[in-house]
Amino acid sequence: MTVQQADIDKVRASVSGQLGNRVMIQLDRGRNRVDIQEGVIQGAYPSVFTILIDDENEKKPSQLLSFSYADVLTRDVRMKLC
């Protein structure tokens, strides 16, 4: 599967339109390992976007994770609005 620039532009526009919204992300860590977390889309930049993960139980400090738009296209990262 080849990733086209037009596809990346569509994902970038979609993420940019959801800035500040809460999302659930599913991260494919390989070897059948999957992490599911909730966070808020903080920023959308030319090559990456960031999500602030805040633990409701306050056991862990907040984390700022960054992902490339290609991660969404290759389904390494799946997002769903909460």
PDB file of N, CA and C in Angstrom:
ATOM      1  N   MET A   1       0.851  -1.181   0.000  1.00  0.00           N
ATOM      2  CA  MET A   1       0.000   0.000   0.000  1.00  0.00           C
ATOM      3  C   MET A   1       0.889   1.234   0.000  1.00  0.00           C
ATOM      4  N   THR A   2       0.699   2.098  -0.950  1.00  0.00           N
ATOM      5  CA  THR A   2       1.474   3.328  -0.984  1.00  0.00           C
ATOM      6  C   THR A   2       0.647   4.462  -0.389  1.00  0.00           C
ATOM      7  N   VAL A   3       1.332   5.294   0.351  1.00  0.00           N
ATOM      8  CA  VAL A   3       0.674   6.431   0.981  1.00  0.00           C
ATOM      9  C   VAL A   3       0.851   7.642   0.067  1.00  0.00           C
ATOM     10  N   GLN A   4      -0.255   8.191  -0.377  1.00  0.00           N
ATOM     11  CA  GLN A   4      -0.227   9.337  -1.270  1.00  0.00           C
ATOM     12  C   GLN A   4      -0.302  10.638  -0.467  1.00  0.00           C
ATOM     13  N   GLN A   5       0.277  11.685  -0.989  1.00  0.00           N
ATOM     14  CA  GLN A   5       0.249  12.985  -0.318  1.00  0.00           C
ATOM     15  C   GLN A   5      -1.184  13.487  -0.137  1.00  0.00           C
ATOM     16  N   ALA A   6      -2.048  13.207  -1.092  1.00  0.00           N
ATOM     17  CA  ALA A   6      -3.449  13.637  -0.985  1.00  0.00           C
ATOM     18  C   ALA A   6      -4.127  12.966   0.205  1.00  0.00           C
ATOM     19  N   ASP A   7      -3.788  11.689   0.460  1.00  0.00           N
ATOM     20  CA  ASP A   7      -4.356  10.979   1.602  1.00  0.00           C
ATOM     21  C   ASP A   7      -3.871  11.592   2.913  1.00  0.00           C
ATOM     22  N   ILE A   8      -2.607  11.925   2.979  1.00  0.00           N
ATOM     23  CA  ILE A   8      -2.042  12.552   4.178  1.00  0.00           C
ATOM     24  C   ILE A   8      -2.698  13.912   4.405  1.00  0.00           C
ATOM     25  N   ASP A   9      -2.928  14.659   3.329  1.00  0.00           N
ATOM     26  CA  ASP A   9      -3.587  15.964   3.448  1.00  0.00           C
ATOM     27  C   ASP A   9      -5.006  15.828   4.001  1.00  0.00           C
ATOM     28  N   LYS A  10      -5.724  14.780   3.593  1.00  0.00           N
ATOM     29  CA  LYS A  10      -7.076  14.547   4.107  1.00  0.00           C
ATOM     30  C   LYS A  10      -7.046  14.259   5.603  1.00  0.00           C
ATOM     31  N   VAL A  11      -6.105  13.420   6.041  1.00  0.00           N
ATOM     32  CA  VAL A  11      -5.987  13.095   7.463  1.00  0.00           C
ATOM     33  C   VAL A  11      -5.608  14.346   8.244  1.00  0.00           C
ATOM     34  N   ARG A  12      -4.670  15.133   7.716  1.00  0.00           N
ATOM     35  CA  ARG A  12      -4.246  16.367   8.380  1.00  0.00           C
ATOM     36  C   ARG A  12      -5.419  17.327   8.551  1.00  0.00           C
ATOM     37  N   ALA A  13      -6.229  17.482   7.522  1.00  0.00           N
ATOM     38  CA  ALA A  13      -7.394  18.372   7.591  1.00  0.00           C
ATOM     39  C   ALA A  13      -8.406  17.857   8.605  1.00  0.00           C
ATOM     40  N   SER A  14      -8.607  16.556   8.645  1.00  0.00           N
ATOM     41  CA  SER A  14      -9.552  15.970   9.591  1.00  0.00           C
ATOM     42  C   SER A  14      -9.088  16.172  11.030  1.00  0.00           C
ATOM     43  N   VAL A  15      -7.815  15.923  11.291  1.00  0.00           N
ATOM     44  CA  VAL A  15      -7.271  16.102  12.641  1.00  0.00           C
ATOM     45  C   VAL A  15      -7.313  17.578  13.031  1.00  0.00           C
ATOM     46  N   SER A  16      -6.963  18.458  12.118  1.00  0.00           N
ATOM     47  CA  SER A  16      -6.979  19.902  12.407  1.00  0.00           C
ATOM     48  C   SER A  16      -8.376  20.375  12.776  1.00  0.00           C
ATOM     49  N   GLY A  17      -9.392  19.793  12.150  1.00  0.00           N
ATOM     50  CA  GLY A  17     -10.763  20.164  12.447  1.00  0.00           C
ATOM     51  C   GLY A  17     -11.252  19.668  13.803  1.00  0.00           C
ATOM     52  N   GLN A  18     -10.513  18.749  14.403  1.00  0.00           N
ATOM     53  CA  GLN A  18     -10.912  18.173  15.690  1.00  0.00           C
ATOM     54  C   GLN A  18     -10.061  18.674  16.855  1.00  0.00           C
ATOM     55  N   LEU A  19      -9.284  19.730  16.649  1.00  0.00           N
ATOM     56  CA  LEU A  19      -8.428  20.261  17.724  1.00  0.00           C
ATOM     57  C   LEU A  19      -9.257  20.549  18.973  1.00  0.00           C
ATOM     58  N   GLY A  20      -8.749  20.126  20.114  1.00  0.00           N
ATOM     59  CA  GLY A  20      -9.426  20.375  21.378  1.00  0.00           C
ATOM     60  C   GLY A  20     -10.470  19.340  21.745  1.00  0.00           C
ATOM     61  N   ASN A  21     -10.783  18.436  20.827  1.00  0.00           N
ATOM     62  CA  ASN A  21     -11.784  17.401  21.101  1.00  0.00           C
ATOM     63  C   ASN A  21     -11.150  16.193  21.778  1.00  0.00           C
ATOM     64  N   ARG A  22     -11.951  15.496  22.584  1.00  0.00           N
ATOM     65  CA  ARG A  22     -11.503  14.299  23.273  1.00  0.00           C
ATOM     66  C   ARG A  22     -11.624  13.109  22.320  1.00  0.00           C
ATOM     67  N   VAL A  23     -10.577  12.283  22.275  1.00  0.00           N
ATOM     68  CA  VAL A  23     -10.557  11.113  21.404  1.00  0.00           C
ATOM     69  C   VAL A  23     -10.082   9.885  22.176  1.00  0.00           C
ATOM     70  N   MET A  24     -10.489   8.729  21.695  1.00  0.00           N
ATOM     71  CA  MET A  24      -9.949   7.469  22.184  1.00  0.00           C
ATOM     72  C   MET A  24      -8.992   6.989  21.102  1.00  0.00           C
ATOM     73  N   ILE A  25      -7.778   6.645  21.493  1.00  0.00           N
ATOM     74  CA  ILE A  25      -6.806   6.165  20.518  1.00  0.00           C
ATOM     75  C   ILE A  25      -6.458   4.721  20.828  1.00  0.00           C
ATOM     76  N   GLN A  26      -6.287   3.964  19.760  1.00  0.00           N
ATOM     77  CA  GLN A  26      -5.873   2.581  19.865  1.00  0.00           C
ATOM     78  C   GLN A  26      -4.525   2.485  19.173  1.00  0.00           C
ATOM     79  N   LEU A  27      -3.493   2.125  19.933  1.00  0.00           N
ATOM     80  CA  LEU A  27      -2.134   2.070  19.413  1.00  0.00           C
ATOM     81  C   LEU A  27      -1.733   0.624  19.175  1.00  0.00           C
ATOM     82  N   ASP A  28      -1.315   0.321  17.960  1.00  0.00           N
ATOM     83  CA  ASP A  28      -0.839  -1.021  17.634  1.00  0.00           C
ATOM     84  C   ASP A  28       0.650  -1.064  17.955  1.00  0.00           C
ATOM     85  N   ARG A  29       0.998  -1.812  19.001  1.00  0.00           N
ATOM     86  CA  ARG A  29       2.397  -1.896  19.449  1.00  0.00           C
ATOM     87  C   ARG A  29       3.137  -3.086  18.855  1.00  0.00           C
ATOM     88  N   GLY A  30       2.488  -3.824  17.964  1.00  0.00           N
ATOM     89  CA  GLY A  30       3.122  -4.979  17.335  1.00  0.00           C
ATOM     90  C   GLY A  30       2.976  -6.227  18.185  1.00  0.00           C
ATOM     91  N   ARG A  31       3.149  -7.380  17.553  1.00  0.00           N
ATOM     92  CA  ARG A  31       3.040  -8.676  18.226  1.00  0.00           C
ATOM     93  C   ARG A  31       1.763  -8.807  19.045  1.00  0.00           C
ATOM     94  N   ASN A  32       0.679  -8.404  18.452  1.00  0.00           N
ATOM     95  CA  ASN A  32      -0.655  -8.502  19.061  1.00  0.00           C
ATOM     96  C   ASN A  32      -0.801  -7.704  20.348  1.00  0.00           C
ATOM     97  N   ARG A  33       0.002  -6.672  20.531  1.00  0.00           N
ATOM     98  CA  ARG A  33      -0.133  -5.797  21.695  1.00  0.00           C
ATOM     99  C   ARG A  33      -0.816  -4.515  21.253  1.00  0.00           C
ATOM    100  N   VAL A  34      -1.879  -4.160  21.978  1.00  0.00           N
ATOM    101  CA  VAL A  34      -2.648  -2.962  21.651  1.00  0.00           C
ATOM    102  C   VAL A  34      -2.876  -2.165  22.925  1.00  0.00           C
ATOM    103  N   ASP A  35      -2.609  -0.867  22.880  1.00  0.00           N
ATOM    104  CA  ASP A  35      -2.895   0.036  23.994  1.00  0.00           C
ATOM    105  C   ASP A  35      -4.081   0.909  23.609  1.00  0.00           C
ATOM    106  N   ILE A  36      -5.002   1.097  24.545  1.00  0.00           N
ATOM    107  CA  ILE A  36      -6.138   1.988  24.327  1.00  0.00           C
ATOM    108  C   ILE A  36      -6.086   3.073  25.386  1.00  0.00           C
ATOM    109  N   GLN A  37      -6.093   4.324  24.942  1.00  0.00           N
ATOM    110  CA  GLN A  37      -6.015   5.459  25.854  1.00  0.00           C
ATOM    111  C   GLN A  37      -6.947   6.558  25.374  1.00  0.00           C
ATOM    112  N   GLU A  38      -7.284   7.469  26.286  1.00  0.00           N
ATOM    113  CA  GLU A  38      -8.089   8.631  25.930  1.00  0.00           C
ATOM    114  C   GLU A  38      -7.282   9.891  26.142  1.00  0.00           C
ATOM    115  N   GLY A  39      -7.521  10.868  25.296  1.00  0.00           N
ATOM    116  CA  GLY A  39      -6.822  12.131  25.424  1.00  0.00           C
ATOM    117  C   GLY A  39      -7.488  13.214  24.600  1.00  0.00           C
ATOM    118  N   VAL A  40      -6.831  14.364  24.558  1.00  0.00           N
ATOM    119  CA  VAL A  40      -7.341  15.532  23.836  1.00  0.00           C
ATOM    120  C   VAL A  40      -6.331  15.904  22.753  1.00  0.00           C
ATOM    121  N   ILE A  41      -6.827  16.149  21.546  1.00  0.00           N
ATOM    122  CA  ILE A  41      -5.941  16.567  20.458  1.00  0.00           C
ATOM    123  C   ILE A  41      -5.454  17.980  20.771  1.00  0.00           C
ATOM    124  N   GLN A  42      -4.163  18.124  20.974  1.00  0.00           N
ATOM    125  CA  GLN A  42      -3.576  19.402  21.377  1.00  0.00           C
ATOM    126  C   GLN A  42      -3.134  20.253  20.195  1.00  0.00           C
ATOM    127  N   GLY A  43      -2.462  19.627  19.242  1.00  0.00           N
ATOM    128  CA  GLY A  43      -1.921  20.415  18.139  1.00  0.00           C
ATOM    129  C   GLY A  43      -1.835  19.611  16.859  1.00  0.00           C
ATOM    130  N   ALA A  44      -1.883  20.308  15.741  1.00  0.00           N
ATOM    131  CA  ALA A  44      -1.730  19.698  14.421  1.00  0.00           C
ATOM    132  C   ALA A  44      -0.666  20.500  13.682  1.00  0.00           C
ATOM    133  N   TYR A  45       0.399  19.850  13.340  1.00  0.00           N
ATOM    134  CA  TYR A  45       1.548  20.485  12.693  1.00  0.00           C
ATOM    135  C   TYR A  45       1.723  19.884  11.305  1.00  0.00           C
ATOM    136  N   PRO A  46       2.633  20.416  10.491  1.00  0.00           N
ATOM    137  CA  PRO A  46       2.759  19.919   9.112  1.00  0.00           C
ATOM    138  C   PRO A  46       3.030  18.414   8.990  1.00  0.00           C
ATOM    139  N   SER A  47       3.804  17.840   9.909  1.00  0.00           N
ATOM    140  CA  SER A  47       4.147  16.422   9.788  1.00  0.00           C
ATOM    141  C   SER A  47       3.567  15.538  10.879  1.00  0.00           C
ATOM    142  N   VAL A  48       3.212  16.123  12.008  1.00  0.00           N
ATOM    143  CA  VAL A  48       2.727  15.339  13.148  1.00  0.00           C
ATOM    144  C   VAL A  48       1.556  16.032  13.831  1.00  0.00           C
ATOM    145  N   PHE A  49       0.865  15.278  14.697  1.00  0.00           N
ATOM    146  CA  PHE A  49      -0.143  15.860  15.580  1.00  0.00           C
ATOM    147  C   PHE A  49       0.106  15.323  16.985  1.00  0.00           C
ATOM    148  N   THR A  50      -0.354  16.072  17.989  1.00  0.00           N
ATOM    149  CA  THR A  50      -0.099  15.692  19.368  1.00  0.00           C
ATOM    150  C   THR A  50      -1.413  15.465  20.107  1.00  0.00           C
ATOM    151  N   ILE A  51      -1.362  14.510  21.039  1.00  0.00           N
ATOM    152  CA  ILE A  51      -2.507  14.185  21.883  1.00  0.00           C
ATOM    153  C   ILE A  51      -2.034  14.179  23.326  1.00  0.00           C
ATOM    154  N   LEU A  52      -2.743  14.917  24.187  1.00  0.00           N
ATOM    155  CA  LEU A  52      -2.427  14.962  25.607  1.00  0.00           C
ATOM    156  C   LEU A  52      -3.228  13.875  26.306  1.00  0.00           C
ATOM    157  N   ILE A  53      -2.509  12.902  26.877  1.00  0.00           N
ATOM    158  CA  ILE A  53      -3.128  11.790  27.600  1.00  0.00           C
ATOM    159  C   ILE A  53      -3.122  12.150  29.074  1.00  0.00           C
ATOM    160  N   ASP A  54      -4.314  12.203  29.660  1.00  0.00           N
ATOM    161  CA  ASP A  54      -4.397  12.506  31.083  1.00  0.00           C
ATOM    162  C   ASP A  54      -5.066  11.336  31.784  1.00  0.00           C
ATOM    163  N   ASP A  55      -4.396  10.792  32.799  1.00  0.00           N
ATOM    164  CA  ASP A  55      -4.913   9.645  33.534  1.00  0.00           C
ATOM    165  C   ASP A  55      -5.979  10.121  34.506  1.00  0.00           C
ATOM    166  N   GLU A  56      -7.175   9.578  34.366  1.00  0.00           N
ATOM    167  CA  GLU A  56      -8.293   9.987  35.222  1.00  0.00           C
ATOM    168  C   GLU A  56      -8.015   9.685  36.693  1.00  0.00           C
ATOM    169  N   ASN A  57      -7.306   8.596  36.948  1.00  0.00           N
ATOM    170  CA  ASN A  57      -7.038   8.174  38.332  1.00  0.00           C
ATOM    171  C   ASN A  57      -5.862   8.924  38.948  1.00  0.00           C
ATOM    172  N   GLU A  58      -5.194   9.739  38.155  1.00  0.00           N
ATOM    173  CA  GLU A  58      -4.044  10.533  38.581  1.00  0.00           C
ATOM    174  C   GLU A  58      -2.899   9.677  39.102  1.00  0.00           C
ATOM    175  N   LYS A  59      -2.811   8.432  38.648  1.00  0.00           N
ATOM    176  CA  LYS A  59      -1.693   7.570  39.024  1.00  0.00           C
ATOM    177  C   LYS A  59      -0.452   7.913  38.214  1.00  0.00           C
ATOM    178  N   LYS A  60      -0.674   8.394  37.004  1.00  0.00           N
ATOM    179  CA  LYS A  60       0.434   8.755  36.129  1.00  0.00           C
ATOM    180  C   LYS A  60       0.321  10.235  35.780  1.00  0.00           C
ATOM    181  N   PRO A  61       1.448  10.906  35.580  1.00  0.00           N
ATOM    182  CA  PRO A  61       1.357  12.297  35.107  1.00  0.00           C
ATOM    183  C   PRO A  61       0.876  12.334  33.653  1.00  0.00           C
ATOM    184  N   SER A  62       0.383  13.475  33.246  1.00  0.00           N
ATOM    185  CA  SER A  62      -0.085  13.631  31.861  1.00  0.00           C
ATOM    186  C   SER A  62       1.074  13.414  30.896  1.00  0.00           C
ATOM    187  N   GLN A  63       0.759  12.846  29.738  1.00  0.00           N
ATOM    188  CA  GLN A  63       1.755  12.607  28.693  1.00  0.00           C
ATOM    189  C   GLN A  63       1.322  13.315  27.422  1.00  0.00           C
ATOM    190  N   LEU A  64       2.288  13.842  26.697  1.00  0.00           N
ATOM    191  CA  LEU A  64       2.009  14.412  25.381  1.00  0.00           C
ATOM    192  C   LEU A  64       2.617  13.472  24.350  1.00  0.00           C
ATOM    193  N   LEU A  65       1.757  12.813  23.581  1.00  0.00           N
ATOM    194  CA  LEU A  65       2.208  11.864  22.567  1.00  0.00           C
ATOM    195  C   LEU A  65       2.099  12.501  21.192  1.00  0.00           C
ATOM    196  N   SER A  66       3.030  12.178  20.327  1.00  0.00           N
ATOM    197  CA  SER A  66       2.962  12.700  18.960  1.00  0.00           C
ATOM    198  C   SER A  66       2.916  11.540  17.972  1.00  0.00           C
ATOM    199  N   PHE A  67       2.172  11.744  16.904  1.00  0.00           N
ATOM    200  CA  PHE A  67       1.995  10.731  15.874  1.00  0.00           C
ATOM    201  C   PHE A  67       2.080  11.395  14.517  1.00  0.00           C
ATOM    202  N   SER A  68       2.527  10.646  13.531  1.00  0.00           N
ATOM    203  CA  SER A  68       2.521  11.174  12.172  1.00  0.00           C
ATOM    204  C   SER A  68       1.174  10.846  11.530  1.00  0.00           C
ATOM    205  N   TYR A  69       0.829  11.585  10.508  1.00  0.00           N
ATOM    206  CA  TYR A  69      -0.424  11.339   9.802  1.00  0.00           C
ATOM    207  C   TYR A  69      -0.375   9.989   9.087  1.00  0.00           C
ATOM    208  N   ALA A  70       0.815   9.552   8.704  1.00  0.00           N
ATOM    209  CA  ALA A  70       0.972   8.247   8.063  1.00  0.00           C
ATOM    210  C   ALA A  70       0.643   7.123   9.039  1.00  0.00           C
ATOM    211  N   ASP A  71       0.850   7.332  10.351  1.00  0.00           N
ATOM    212  CA  ASP A  71       0.471   6.318  11.348  1.00  0.00           C
ATOM    213  C   ASP A  71      -1.024   6.026  11.281  1.00  0.00           C
ATOM    214  N   VAL A  72      -1.827   7.045  11.024  1.00  0.00           N
ATOM    215  CA  VAL A  72      -3.272   6.868  10.920  1.00  0.00           C
ATOM    216  C   VAL A  72      -3.612   6.110   9.636  1.00  0.00           C
ATOM    217  N   LEU A  73      -2.939   6.457   8.546  1.00  0.00           N
ATOM    218  CA  LEU A  73      -3.211   5.799   7.268  1.00  0.00           C
ATOM    219  C   LEU A  73      -2.808   4.326   7.280  1.00  0.00           C
ATOM    220  N   THR A  74      -1.729   3.990   7.978  1.00  0.00           N
ATOM    221  CA  THR A  74      -1.266   2.601   8.035  1.00  0.00           C
ATOM    222  C   THR A  74      -1.939   1.827   9.159  1.00  0.00           C
ATOM    223  N   ARG A  75      -2.838   2.508   9.894  1.00  0.00           N
ATOM    224  CA  ARG A  75      -3.624   1.926  10.983  1.00  0.00           C
ATOM    225  C   ARG A  75      -2.759   1.494  12.176  1.00  0.00           C
ATOM    226  N   ASP A  76      -1.591   2.088  12.339  1.00  0.00           N
ATOM    227  CA  ASP A  76      -0.817   1.898  13.567  1.00  0.00           C
ATOM    228  C   ASP A  76      -1.492   2.652  14.705  1.00  0.00           C
ATOM    229  N   VAL A  77      -2.208   3.713  14.343  1.00  0.00           N
ATOM    230  CA  VAL A  77      -2.978   4.506  15.309  1.00  0.00           C
ATOM    231  C   VAL A  77      -4.398   4.626  14.768  1.00  0.00           C
ATOM    232  N   ARG A  78      -5.374   4.278  15.613  1.00  0.00           N
ATOM    233  CA  ARG A  78      -6.781   4.442  15.233  1.00  0.00           C
ATOM    234  C   ARG A  78      -7.405   5.400  16.249  1.00  0.00           C
ATOM    235  N   MET A  79      -8.196   6.326  15.749  1.00  0.00           N
ATOM    236  CA  MET A  79      -8.807   7.336  16.621  1.00  0.00           C
ATOM    237  C   MET A  79     -10.314   7.319  16.456  1.00  0.00           C
ATOM    238  N   LYS A  80     -10.989   7.607  17.581  1.00  0.00           N
ATOM    239  CA  LYS A  80     -12.437   7.706  17.561  1.00  0.00           C
ATOM    240  C   LYS A  80     -12.817   8.824  18.527  1.00  0.00           C
ATOM    241  N   LEU A  81     -13.716   9.698  18.109  1.00  0.00           N
ATOM    242  CA  LEU A  81     -14.179  10.788  18.980  1.00  0.00           C
ATOM    243  C   LEU A  81     -14.958  10.220  20.154  1.00  0.00           C
ATOM    244  N   CYS A  82     -14.764  10.812  21.313  1.00  0.00           N
ATOM    245  CA  CYS A  82     -15.495  10.384  22.521  1.00  0.00           C
ATOM    246  C   CYS A  82     -16.709  11.248  22.743  1.00  0.00           C
TER     247      CYS A  82
END
